[in-house]
Amino acid sequence: WMWRMMERLVRGEAEIHEIDTLEQVTRQVEGHTICALGDAAAWPIQGLIKNFRPEIERRIVAHRAASAVEAAE
């Protein structure tokens, strides 16, 4: 699920509020799984959001604007 949401973020197809949702999910996974792979999946996403949130938001806004232009043509 986190991977699918990340793919949507990469393509700019997500909504801004989904960034917070994804971050909350990573916090719920972190430290709550028997397998260390849960933490290993959560930490890079947390780092990405912490360090690049403005860029993620710009990508979403730009994608939305480009989609609106294409729809108008």
Protein backbone atom coordinates (compact mmCIF):
# COMPACT_ATOMS: atom_id res chain seq x y z
CA TRP A 1 0.00 0.00 0.00
CA MET A 2 2.79 2.45 0.86
CA TRP A 3 4.47 1.58 -2.45
CA ARG A 4 1.33 2.31 -4.45
CA MET A 5 0.90 5.65 -2.71
CA MET A 6 4.57 6.49 -3.33
CA GLU A 7 4.07 5.74 -7.03
CA ARG A 8 1.14 8.16 -7.08
CA LEU A 9 3.31 10.81 -5.41
CA VAL A 10 6.12 10.26 -7.91
CA ARG A 11 3.73 10.68 -10.83
CA GLY A 12 2.15 13.73 -9.19
CA GLU A 13 -1.25 12.03 -9.16
CA ALA A 14 -1.77 12.10 -5.38
CA GLU A 15 -3.63 14.71 -3.38
CA ILE A 16 -1.72 16.97 -0.97
CA HIS A 17 -3.46 15.42 2.06
CA GLU A 18 -2.14 12.00 1.04
CA ILE A 19 1.36 13.10 2.06
CA ASP A 20 0.16 13.33 5.67
CA THR A 21 -1.71 10.04 5.37
CA LEU A 22 1.39 8.28 4.10
CA GLU A 23 3.52 9.79 6.86
CA GLN A 24 1.01 8.66 9.50
CA VAL A 25 0.99 5.13 8.11
CA THR A 26 4.79 4.96 8.27
CA ARG A 27 4.63 6.03 11.93
CA GLN A 28 2.15 3.24 12.64
CA VAL A 29 4.34 0.65 10.91
CA GLU A 30 7.59 1.83 12.51
CA GLY A 31 8.38 -0.21 15.59
CA HIS A 32 5.15 -2.20 15.47
CA THR A 33 6.11 -5.15 13.31
CA ILE A 34 7.95 -8.33 14.21
CA CYS A 35 9.97 -8.12 11.01
CA ALA A 36 12.55 -5.36 10.53
CA LEU A 37 11.32 -4.89 6.97
CA GLY A 38 8.48 -2.72 8.29
CA ASP A 39 10.95 -0.20 9.68
CA ALA A 40 13.08 -0.56 6.56
CA ALA A 41 10.08 0.42 4.43
CA ALA A 42 8.96 3.27 6.68
CA TRP A 43 12.22 5.15 7.27
CA PRO A 44 13.05 6.13 3.68
CA ILE A 45 9.53 7.45 3.17
CA GLN A 46 9.72 9.44 6.41
CA GLY A 47 13.04 10.91 5.29
CA LEU A 48 11.66 11.79 1.88
CA ILE A 49 8.68 13.59 3.36
CA LYS A 50 10.78 15.35 5.99
CA ASN A 51 13.38 16.62 3.52
CA PHE A 52 11.44 17.04 0.28
CA ARG A 53 7.82 17.78 1.18
CA PRO A 54 7.79 21.14 -0.67
CA GLU A 55 9.04 19.42 -3.84
CA ILE A 56 6.41 16.68 -3.52
CA GLU A 57 3.70 19.32 -3.13
CA ARG A 58 5.03 21.26 -6.16
CA ARG A 59 4.96 18.08 -8.25
CA ILE A 60 1.34 17.44 -7.30
CA VAL A 61 0.30 21.03 -8.04
CA ALA A 62 2.19 21.02 -11.37
CA HIS A 63 0.60 17.74 -12.42
CA ARG A 64 -2.85 19.06 -11.54
CA ALA A 65 -2.21 22.25 -13.55
CA ALA A 66 -0.93 20.29 -16.56
CA SER A 67 -3.95 17.99 -16.40
CA ALA A 68 -6.28 21.01 -16.35
CA VAL A 69 -4.57 22.48 -19.43
CA GLU A 70 -4.82 19.17 -21.30
CA ALA A 71 -8.49 18.86 -20.40
CA ALA A 72 -9.16 22.39 -21.67
CA GLU A 73 -7.58 21.73 -25.07
